[in-house]
Amino acid sequence: MKNFRLQLLIRILLNAFSIFLFFFSYFNIEYNAILFILGIIIIYQIYSLIKFVDITNKELARFISSIKYSDFSQSFTIHNYGSSFEELGNSFNNVIEKFQKTRSEKEENLRYLQTVMQHVGVGLISYNQDGKVEFINNSAKRLLKISHLKHLSTLDETYQNLGNQFLSITPGNKTTLKIVDDNDLIQLICYSTQFKMRNQIYTLLSLQNIQSELEEKEMEAWQKLIRVLTHEIMNSVTPISSLAGTVNIMLSKDDSEIELSKEQADDIKTAVFTIQKRSEGLIKFVENYRNLTKIPKPNFQIISLKSLFDRVKNLMQKEFENNSIEFSCDVEPETLELTADPEMFEQVLINLIINSIHALRGRHDPKIYLIGYLDERGKIAVKVIDNGPGINEDVQDKIFIPFFSTKRDGSGIGLSLSRQIIRSHGGSIRVNSKQNEGTTFTMRF
């Protein structure tokens, strides 16, 4: 800085001396040529002084310009103007180096993120509101059997209306889509989220083929159902077949030769009566199965949980009194409301409470709690809790299977029907039970 000030002082003194000579010559010397030369010298000195002072502004402008256009290849060296200007140049260079390092780290992070996204097992597609694709990873390409994708509308050439279906997915929601390619059915579970970049809205869509998992679960469900159906049908058909064979043997003689004793006649009546009862039981079983497949669509209404709980309490009050059960219900907050079919949801609560009443028979100090609240994720949750003997851990995953029952006289459709009703409301139902501690059924919407 001292060097800069010294040079600036010398230039100012020289300029002042030249101006002094100019006016001295003007008043004392008659030679115009000297005045002309001195004028030129003064103009040059003023220009040189301005240029000298403006050097810092130029370097600063160049520095800002390099940052503005991300040009980090420049260096800043200011010689012959003192140590302060060298420090200024070094500061500029240090800032540029920091920017270079930060940019290099960002590029490395971007490459790392792109590598991860390309190799992740879930298909990813990013596109703007017009459907222009900004990014698609390898998993999505393999899933959709394409090599590249510039616009979602291109998918419509291979898969009917798939591009429009992707665009219509509501951000934040999960959607299941079916696509057919060369007679091959693919079930896709899609989840989309939106983000803003460069003042434009983009959608990130994740795709996962769950066809094999669905087929496996479907096969498992069919196997469980077939085992239950086979068990129930065989329980009815075996005695019917046996008794029918016995009666057939007793009546196989010619009409003229048939002489039945009172004991034989009674046996035939008993056999026919048993066949009738087992046949009626089998018909009832089939009717129950038919009812499971005919659940009506919910008539959605906004209902107050507290009012619904009070109504269920009034309906079941006699049962509570007859079984000496302490029943309590609570809703937090009291104004909590649920969008549901009031009759169907009421039937689910009654089914669960009746199950609890049956489980509490013979228990000391039986209690049932009905609770409604908002869980930690902001979902409406309803719990039916009892302090009964609990459900054996081995059968907890089977209680929602149609016709499976842990009760001797149970039909096995109550819980299955309840789960179907809850699912038709977009909710879920889970059971948590411990031996000799009690059972909790939790429904979330």
Protein backbone atom coordinates (compact mmCIF):
# COMPACT_ATOMS: atom_id res chain seq x y z
CA MET A 1 0.00 0.00 0.00
CA LYS A 2 2.91 2.35 0.76
CA ASN A 3 4.23 1.79 -2.76
CA PHE A 4 0.80 2.59 -4.18
CA ARG A 5 0.50 5.79 -2.10
CA LEU A 6 4.02 6.91 -3.05
CA GLN A 7 3.32 6.43 -6.75
CA LEU A 8 -0.03 8.19 -6.39
CA LEU A 9 1.62 11.12 -4.55
CA ILE A 10 4.37 11.44 -7.17
CA ARG A 11 1.78 11.43 -10.01
CA ILE A 12 -0.33 14.08 -8.26
CA LEU A 13 2.75 16.30 -7.62
CA LEU A 14 3.91 15.93 -11.21
CA ASN A 15 0.41 16.73 -12.43
CA ALA A 16 0.25 19.79 -10.15
CA PHE A 17 3.70 20.92 -11.32
CA SER A 18 2.64 20.56 -14.95
CA ILE A 19 -0.49 22.61 -14.33
CA PHE A 20 1.63 25.27 -12.57
CA LEU A 21 4.01 25.42 -15.55
CA PHE A 22 1.05 25.64 -17.94
CA PHE A 23 -0.42 28.71 -16.22
CA PHE A 24 3.01 30.25 -15.60
CA SER A 25 3.80 29.93 -19.30
CA TYR A 26 0.38 31.27 -20.23
CA PHE A 27 0.93 34.51 -18.34
CA ASN A 28 4.68 34.97 -18.87
CA ILE A 29 5.71 33.26 -22.11
CA GLU A 30 4.31 34.03 -25.51
CA TYR A 31 5.19 30.73 -27.18
CA ASN A 32 1.97 28.78 -27.93
CA ALA A 33 3.91 25.61 -28.77
CA ILE A 34 5.07 25.29 -25.15
CA LEU A 35 1.50 25.71 -23.94
CA PHE A 36 0.30 23.02 -26.37
CA ILE A 37 2.99 20.57 -25.23
CA LEU A 38 2.26 21.25 -21.56
CA GLY A 39 -1.51 20.76 -22.22
CA ILE A 40 -0.87 17.38 -23.81
CA ILE A 41 1.39 16.39 -20.90
CA ILE A 42 -1.31 17.41 -18.38
CA ILE A 43 -4.03 15.45 -20.23
CA TYR A 44 -1.78 12.36 -20.38
CA GLN A 45 -0.92 12.68 -16.68
CA ILE A 46 -4.62 12.93 -15.74
CA TYR A 47 -5.45 9.87 -17.92
CA SER A 48 -2.53 7.92 -16.44
CA LEU A 49 -3.62 8.87 -12.91
CA ILE A 50 -7.20 7.72 -13.52
CA LYS A 51 -5.97 4.47 -15.07
CA PHE A 52 -3.60 3.92 -12.18
CA VAL A 53 -6.33 4.47 -9.56
CA ASP A 54 -8.85 2.35 -11.48
CA ILE A 55 -6.68 -0.79 -11.45
CA THR A 56 -8.35 -2.12 -8.26
CA ASN A 57 -11.81 -1.61 -9.76
CA LYS A 58 -10.81 -3.57 -12.86
CA GLU A 59 -9.42 -6.47 -10.83
CA LEU A 60 -12.53 -6.49 -8.63
CA ALA A 61 -14.80 -6.42 -11.70
CA ARG A 62 -12.83 -9.30 -13.24
CA PHE A 63 -13.12 -11.24 -9.98
CA ILE A 64 -16.89 -10.74 -9.78
CA SER A 65 -17.28 -11.61 -13.46
CA SER A 66 -15.35 -14.86 -13.01
CA ILE A 67 -17.67 -15.83 -10.14
CA LYS A 68 -20.78 -14.78 -12.07
CA TYR A 69 -19.91 -16.99 -15.05
CA SER A 70 -18.32 -19.78 -12.93
CA ASP A 71 -14.96 -19.18 -14.62
CA PHE A 72 -12.58 -20.37 -11.93
CA SER A 73 -9.58 -20.76 -14.23
CA GLN A 74 -8.39 -17.15 -13.80
CA SER A 75 -5.69 -15.99 -11.42
CA PHE A 76 -5.15 -12.54 -9.92
CA THR A 77 -1.62 -11.11 -9.65
CA ILE A 78 -0.99 -7.40 -9.02
CA HIS A 79 2.71 -6.53 -9.14
CA ASN A 80 4.61 -3.32 -8.40
CA TYR A 81 1.89 -1.75 -6.27
CA GLY A 82 2.86 -2.79 -2.78
CA SER A 83 2.20 -5.64 -0.42
CA SER A 84 -1.46 -4.68 0.19
CA PHE A 85 -2.29 -5.20 -3.48
CA GLU A 86 -0.47 -8.50 -3.42
CA GLU A 87 -2.64 -9.48 -0.43
CA LEU A 88 -5.72 -8.40 -2.40
CA GLY A 89 -4.66 -10.59 -5.32
CA ASN A 90 -3.94 -13.50 -2.98
CA SER A 91 -7.35 -13.07 -1.37
CA PHE A 92 -9.00 -13.18 -4.78
CA ASN A 93 -7.04 -16.32 -5.65
CA ASN A 94 -7.95 -17.98 -2.34
CA VAL A 95 -11.64 -17.30 -2.94
CA ILE A 96 -11.35 -18.71 -6.45
CA GLU A 97 -9.63 -21.82 -5.08
CA LYS A 98 -12.43 -22.26 -2.53
CA PHE A 99 -14.99 -22.01 -5.29
CA GLN A 100 -13.02 -24.53 -7.37
CA LYS A 101 -12.88 -26.94 -4.44
CA THR A 102 -16.59 -26.52 -3.65
CA ARG A 103 -17.52 -27.00 -7.29
CA SER A 104 -15.33 -30.09 -7.52
CA GLU A 105 -16.96 -31.54 -4.38
CA LYS A 106 -20.43 -30.83 -5.75
CA GLU A 107 -19.56 -32.52 -9.03
CA GLU A 108 -18.22 -35.54 -7.13
CA ASN A 109 -21.37 -35.67 -4.99
CA LEU A 110 -23.50 -35.38 -8.13
CA ARG A 111 -21.62 -38.24 -9.80
CA TYR A 112 -21.97 -40.31 -6.63
CA LEU A 113 -25.71 -39.60 -6.44
CA GLN A 114 -26.16 -40.41 -10.13
CA THR A 115 -24.27 -43.67 -9.68
CA VAL A 116 -26.45 -44.64 -6.73
CA MET A 117 -29.65 -43.71 -8.56
CA GLN A 118 -28.58 -45.64 -11.64
CA HIS A 119 -27.81 -48.80 -9.67
CA VAL A 120 -30.64 -48.72 -7.13
CA GLY A 121 -33.13 -51.57 -7.56
CA VAL A 122 -36.19 -49.28 -7.70
CA GLY A 123 -37.08 -47.60 -10.99
CA LEU A 124 -36.83 -43.79 -10.89
CA ILE A 125 -38.17 -41.27 -13.40
CA SER A 126 -38.00 -37.48 -13.04
CA TYR A 127 -40.11 -35.28 -15.32
CA ASN A 128 -41.59 -31.78 -15.48
CA GLN A 129 -45.27 -30.80 -15.64
CA ASP A 130 -45.29 -31.18 -19.43
CA GLY A 131 -44.07 -34.76 -19.21
CA LYS A 132 -40.53 -34.04 -20.43
CA VAL A 133 -38.22 -36.57 -18.81
CA GLU A 134 -35.14 -35.15 -17.09
CA PHE A 135 -33.81 -38.40 -15.63
CA ILE A 136 -34.49 -42.13 -15.83
CA ASN A 137 -32.36 -44.81 -14.19
CA ASN A 138 -31.38 -48.25 -15.43
CA SER A 139 -33.95 -50.08 -13.28
CA ALA A 140 -36.79 -48.09 -14.83
CA LYS A 141 -35.42 -48.76 -18.31
CA ARG A 142 -35.26 -52.51 -17.63
CA LEU A 143 -38.72 -52.49 -16.06
CA LEU A 144 -40.31 -50.67 -19.00
CA LYS A 145 -38.06 -52.41 -21.56
CA ILE A 146 -36.76 -49.19 -23.13
CA SER A 147 -33.28 -47.87 -23.88
CA HIS A 148 -34.07 -44.16 -23.43
CA LEU A 149 -37.02 -41.89 -22.68
CA LYS A 150 -37.36 -38.22 -23.58
CA HIS A 151 -41.07 -37.73 -22.95
CA LEU A 152 -43.71 -39.74 -21.07
CA SER A 153 -45.99 -39.74 -24.11
CA THR A 154 -43.49 -42.09 -25.79
CA LEU A 155 -44.61 -44.82 -23.39
CA ASP A 156 -48.11 -44.76 -24.91
CA GLU A 157 -46.68 -46.36 -28.06
CA THR A 158 -45.84 -49.52 -26.10
CA TYR A 159 -48.16 -49.40 -23.09
CA GLN A 160 -51.69 -48.08 -23.52
CA ASN A 161 -52.11 -44.66 -21.88
CA LEU A 162 -49.25 -45.32 -19.41
CA GLY A 163 -47.71 -41.86 -19.85
CA ASN A 164 -50.99 -40.14 -18.95
CA GLN A 165 -51.42 -42.44 -15.97
CA PHE A 166 -47.98 -41.41 -14.68
CA LEU A 167 -48.88 -37.72 -15.12
CA SER A 168 -52.19 -38.17 -13.29
CA ILE A 169 -50.64 -39.71 -10.15
CA THR A 170 -51.24 -37.38 -7.20
CA PRO A 171 -47.95 -36.40 -5.52
CA GLY A 172 -47.48 -38.05 -2.14
CA ASN A 173 -49.81 -40.98 -2.97
CA LYS A 174 -49.15 -44.60 -3.80
CA THR A 175 -50.85 -46.07 -6.86
CA THR A 176 -50.92 -49.57 -8.31
CA LEU A 177 -50.89 -49.84 -12.10
CA LYS A 178 -51.23 -52.86 -14.36
CA ILE A 179 -49.40 -52.97 -17.68
CA VAL A 180 -49.35 -55.72 -20.28
CA ASP A 181 -46.37 -56.33 -22.54
CA ASP A 182 -46.29 -59.30 -24.92
CA ASN A 183 -49.06 -60.93 -22.86
CA ASP A 184 -46.90 -60.51 -19.75
CA LEU A 185 -48.77 -58.84 -16.87
CA ILE A 186 -46.75 -56.46 -14.71
CA GLN A 187 -48.08 -54.95 -11.48
CA LEU A 188 -46.38 -51.66 -10.67
CA ILE A 189 -46.58 -49.86 -7.37
CA CYS A 190 -45.90 -46.17 -8.03
CA TYR A 191 -45.06 -43.40 -5.59
CA SER A 192 -44.55 -39.80 -6.67
CA THR A 193 -43.24 -36.68 -4.97
CA GLN A 194 -42.75 -33.14 -6.25
CA PHE A 195 -39.81 -30.76 -5.90
CA LYS A 196 -38.87 -27.37 -7.29
CA MET A 197 -35.69 -26.76 -9.26
CA ARG A 198 -34.73 -23.77 -11.40
CA ASN A 199 -38.18 -22.22 -10.72
CA GLN A 200 -39.87 -25.22 -12.29
CA ILE A 201 -41.92 -28.01 -10.70
CA TYR A 202 -40.62 -31.56 -11.22
CA THR A 203 -42.04 -34.94 -10.23
CA LEU A 204 -39.92 -37.87 -9.06
CA LEU A 205 -41.71 -41.16 -9.68
CA SER A 206 -40.57 -44.47 -8.20
CA LEU A 207 -41.62 -47.75 -9.82
CA GLN A 208 -41.46 -51.24 -8.36
CA ASN A 209 -42.68 -54.48 -9.91
CA ILE A 210 -44.61 -56.36 -7.24
CA GLN A 211 -46.11 -58.99 -9.56
CA SER A 212 -44.09 -61.89 -8.17
CA GLU A 213 -44.75 -60.83 -4.56
CA LEU A 214 -48.48 -60.51 -5.29
CA GLU A 215 -48.57 -63.92 -6.96
CA GLU A 216 -46.73 -65.44 -4.01
CA LYS A 217 -49.09 -63.84 -1.48
CA GLU A 218 -52.09 -64.77 -3.59
CA MET A 219 -50.94 -68.38 -3.77
CA GLU A 220 -50.34 -68.40 -0.03
CA ALA A 221 -53.81 -66.97 0.61
CA TRP A 222 -55.42 -69.52 -1.70
CA GLN A 223 -53.59 -72.35 0.02
CA LYS A 224 -54.77 -71.17 3.44
CA LEU A 225 -58.33 -70.73 2.17
CA ILE A 226 -58.34 -74.14 0.48
CA ARG A 227 -57.09 -75.80 3.68
CA VAL A 228 -59.94 -74.20 5.65
CA LEU A 229 -62.54 -74.99 2.98
CA THR A 230 -61.32 -78.58 2.71
CA HIS A 231 -61.45 -78.99 6.48
CA GLU A 232 -65.00 -77.65 6.75
CA ILE A 233 -66.33 -79.54 3.74
CA MET A 234 -64.71 -82.83 4.77
CA ASN A 235 -66.14 -82.46 8.28
CA SER A 236 -69.60 -82.35 6.71
CA VAL A 237 -69.20 -84.70 3.75
CA THR A 238 -67.46 -87.57 5.61
CA PRO A 239 -70.34 -88.36 8.04
CA ILE A 240 -72.89 -87.77 5.27
CA SER A 241 -71.13 -90.28 3.04
CA SER A 242 -70.72 -92.80 5.86
CA LEU A 243 -74.33 -92.59 7.06
CA ALA A 244 -75.68 -92.62 3.51
CA GLY A 245 -73.70 -95.85 2.86
CA THR A 246 -75.06 -97.45 6.01
CA VAL A 247 -78.65 -96.59 5.12
CA ASN A 248 -78.08 -97.84 1.58
CA ILE A 249 -76.89 -101.22 2.89
CA MET A 250 -79.91 -101.49 5.20
CA LEU A 251 -82.28 -100.71 2.33
CA SER A 252 -80.48 -102.63 -0.41
CA LYS A 253 -82.83 -105.67 -0.22
CA ASP A 254 -85.98 -106.06 -2.36
CA ASP A 255 -89.02 -104.24 -1.07
CA SER A 256 -90.69 -107.57 -0.25
CA GLU A 257 -87.72 -108.67 1.84
CA ILE A 258 -87.31 -105.47 3.85
CA GLU A 259 -88.43 -105.98 7.39
CA LEU A 260 -87.03 -103.40 9.73
CA SER A 261 -86.96 -103.74 13.43
CA LYS A 262 -87.74 -100.75 15.63
CA GLU A 263 -84.03 -100.44 16.38
CA GLN A 264 -83.12 -100.41 12.68
CA ALA A 265 -85.84 -97.86 11.94
CA ASP A 266 -84.51 -95.65 14.70
CA ASP A 267 -80.99 -95.98 13.30
CA ILE A 268 -82.23 -94.93 9.86
CA LYS A 269 -84.11 -91.95 11.33
CA THR A 270 -81.01 -90.90 13.26
CA ALA A 271 -78.83 -91.27 10.18
CA VAL A 272 -81.24 -89.28 7.98
CA PHE A 273 -81.55 -86.59 10.67
CA THR A 274 -77.76 -86.34 10.94
CA ILE A 275 -77.45 -86.12 7.15
CA GLN A 276 -80.06 -83.36 7.16
CA LYS A 277 -78.27 -81.36 9.88
CA ARG A 278 -74.85 -81.72 8.31
CA SER A 279 -76.30 -80.77 4.92
CA GLU A 280 -77.90 -77.68 6.46
CA GLY A 281 -74.58 -76.85 8.09
CA LEU A 282 -72.83 -77.20 4.74
CA ILE A 283 -75.43 -74.96 3.08
CA LYS A 284 -74.97 -72.38 5.83
CA PHE A 285 -71.21 -72.58 5.34
CA VAL A 286 -71.61 -71.89 1.61
CA GLU A 287 -74.02 -69.02 2.35
CA ASN A 288 -71.46 -67.47 4.69
CA TYR A 289 -68.83 -67.80 1.98
CA ARG A 290 -71.18 -66.09 -0.46
CA ASN A 291 -71.73 -63.23 2.02
CA LEU A 292 -67.97 -62.62 2.14
CA THR A 293 -67.96 -61.95 -1.59
CA LYS A 294 -70.92 -59.54 -1.52
CA ILE A 295 -69.80 -56.70 0.70
CA PRO A 296 -71.65 -53.51 -0.41
CA LYS A 297 -69.81 -50.30 -1.21
CA PRO A 298 -69.53 -47.97 1.80
CA ASN A 299 -71.87 -44.97 2.02
CA PHE A 300 -69.27 -42.51 3.27
CA GLN A 301 -70.33 -39.88 5.79
CA ILE A 302 -68.53 -37.68 8.28
CA ILE A 303 -69.30 -39.21 11.67
CA SER A 304 -68.39 -38.26 15.21
CA LEU A 305 -66.42 -41.06 16.87
CA LYS A 306 -67.79 -40.11 20.28
CA SER A 307 -71.40 -40.39 19.08
CA LEU A 308 -70.66 -43.71 17.40
CA PHE A 309 -68.98 -45.09 20.53
CA ASP A 310 -71.95 -44.01 22.69
CA ARG A 311 -74.35 -45.73 20.29
CA VAL A 312 -72.34 -48.96 20.39
CA LYS A 313 -72.24 -48.76 24.19
CA ASN A 314 -76.02 -48.45 24.37
CA LEU A 315 -76.51 -51.36 21.98
CA MET A 316 -74.20 -53.65 23.94
CA GLN A 317 -75.07 -52.47 27.47
CA LYS A 318 -77.27 -55.51 28.20
CA GLU A 319 -74.48 -57.89 27.20
CA PHE A 320 -72.04 -56.05 29.45
CA GLU A 321 -74.40 -56.29 32.39
CA ASN A 322 -75.20 -59.97 31.81
CA ASN A 323 -71.48 -60.83 31.71
CA SER A 324 -70.45 -58.42 34.52
CA ILE A 325 -68.03 -56.65 32.13
CA GLU A 326 -66.64 -53.22 32.91
CA PHE A 327 -66.81 -51.24 29.66
CA SER A 328 -65.36 -47.80 29.00
CA CYS A 329 -64.90 -45.72 25.86
CA ASP A 330 -62.83 -42.63 25.26
CA VAL A 331 -62.14 -40.29 22.31
CA GLU A 332 -59.26 -37.85 22.29
CA PRO A 333 -60.01 -35.18 21.19
CA GLU A 334 -63.75 -35.44 21.73
CA THR A 335 -64.42 -33.65 18.43
CA LEU A 336 -62.55 -36.33 16.42
CA GLU A 337 -64.43 -37.22 13.24
CA LEU A 338 -64.06 -40.02 10.72
CA THR A 339 -65.23 -40.36 7.12
CA ALA A 340 -66.85 -43.80 7.00
CA ASP A 341 -70.07 -45.75 6.54
CA PRO A 342 -71.61 -45.50 10.04
CA GLU A 343 -73.60 -48.78 9.82
CA MET A 344 -70.70 -50.82 8.45
CA PHE A 345 -68.16 -49.41 10.92
CA GLU A 346 -70.62 -49.89 13.78
CA GLN A 347 -70.96 -53.56 12.75
CA VAL A 348 -67.17 -53.98 12.85
CA LEU A 349 -67.01 -52.56 16.38
CA ILE A 350 -69.87 -54.83 17.50
CA ASN A 351 -68.12 -57.88 16.00
CA LEU A 352 -64.89 -57.08 17.82
CA ILE A 353 -66.67 -56.38 21.12
CA ILE A 354 -68.66 -59.63 20.88
CA ASN A 355 -65.39 -61.52 20.31
CA SER A 356 -63.98 -59.85 23.43
CA ILE A 357 -67.11 -60.78 25.43
CA HIS A 358 -66.71 -64.43 24.43
CA ALA A 359 -63.00 -64.33 25.29
CA LEU A 360 -63.75 -62.88 28.76
CA ARG A 361 -66.11 -65.63 29.85
CA GLY A 362 -64.93 -67.06 33.12
CA ARG A 363 -62.33 -64.33 33.63
CA HIS A 364 -62.01 -62.44 36.88
CA ASP A 365 -62.64 -58.69 36.64
CA PRO A 366 -63.37 -58.62 32.86
CA LYS A 367 -62.81 -55.29 31.11
CA ILE A 368 -63.23 -53.92 27.58
CA TYR A 369 -61.92 -50.55 26.40
CA LEU A 370 -62.91 -48.71 23.21
CA ILE A 371 -60.48 -45.90 22.36
CA GLY A 372 -60.26 -43.38 19.50
CA TYR A 373 -57.34 -41.00 18.95
CA LEU A 374 -54.86 -39.50 16.47
CA ASP A 375 -51.65 -41.50 16.26
CA GLU A 376 -48.14 -40.08 15.92
CA ARG A 377 -48.52 -39.91 12.12
CA GLY A 378 -51.77 -37.98 12.28
CA LYS A 379 -53.93 -40.99 11.33
CA ILE A 380 -57.21 -41.78 13.06
CA ALA A 381 -56.80 -44.91 15.19
CA VAL A 382 -59.48 -46.96 16.96
CA LYS A 383 -58.63 -49.68 19.47
CA VAL A 384 -60.74 -52.44 21.04
CA ILE A 385 -58.88 -53.77 24.10
CA ASP A 386 -59.78 -56.59 26.48
CA ASN A 387 -57.98 -58.25 29.40
CA GLY A 388 -58.89 -61.76 28.29
CA PRO A 389 -56.66 -64.84 27.98
CA GLY A 390 -55.17 -63.61 24.71
CA ILE A 391 -54.72 -65.34 21.36
CA ASN A 392 -52.11 -68.02 20.83
CA GLU A 393 -49.17 -66.58 18.89
CA ASP A 394 -49.29 -69.47 16.41
CA VAL A 395 -52.78 -68.55 15.20
CA GLN A 396 -52.62 -64.74 15.28
CA ASP A 397 -51.77 -64.58 11.59
CA LYS A 398 -54.72 -66.87 10.75
CA ILE A 399 -57.62 -65.24 12.57
CA PHE A 400 -58.52 -63.04 9.57
CA ILE A 401 -58.69 -66.04 7.21
CA PRO A 402 -62.30 -66.81 6.21
CA PHE A 403 -63.88 -69.65 8.25
CA PHE A 404 -60.92 -69.95 10.60
CA SER A 405 -62.07 -69.74 14.20
CA THR A 406 -60.56 -70.48 17.60
CA LYS A 407 -64.08 -70.91 19.05
CA ARG A 408 -65.80 -74.27 18.94
CA ASP A 409 -69.09 -72.78 17.69
CA GLY A 410 -67.57 -69.92 15.68
CA SER A 411 -68.33 -69.37 11.98
CA GLY A 412 -64.94 -67.87 11.22
CA ILE A 413 -66.32 -65.03 9.08
CA GLY A 414 -66.65 -62.19 11.64
CA LEU A 415 -63.02 -61.05 11.61
CA SER A 416 -62.60 -61.71 7.89
CA LEU A 417 -65.71 -59.63 7.19
CA SER A 418 -64.45 -56.89 9.50
CA ARG A 419 -61.11 -56.71 7.72
CA GLN A 420 -62.80 -56.45 4.33
CA ILE A 421 -64.99 -53.61 5.60
CA ILE A 422 -62.00 -51.75 7.04
CA ARG A 423 -60.06 -52.19 3.78
CA SER A 424 -63.04 -50.88 1.80
CA HIS A 425 -62.65 -47.73 3.93
CA GLY A 426 -58.97 -47.44 2.98
CA GLY A 427 -57.85 -48.52 6.44
CA SER A 428 -56.07 -51.41 8.11
CA ILE A 429 -56.72 -53.66 11.09
CA ARG A 430 -54.07 -55.40 13.19
CA VAL A 431 -54.11 -57.61 16.25
CA ASN A 432 -51.67 -57.59 19.15
CA SER A 433 -52.18 -60.25 21.79
CA LYS A 434 -50.23 -61.75 24.67
CA GLN A 435 -51.10 -64.88 26.57
CA ASN A 436 -52.91 -64.15 29.87
CA GLU A 437 -52.55 -60.39 29.33
CA GLY A 438 -55.20 -59.52 26.79
CA THR A 439 -55.86 -58.65 23.15
CA THR A 440 -55.86 -55.36 21.27
CA PHE A 441 -57.40 -54.85 17.82
CA THR A 442 -56.16 -51.61 16.20
CA MET A 443 -57.79 -49.98 13.18
CA ARG A 444 -56.13 -47.07 11.37
CA PHE A 445 -57.62 -44.79 8.72
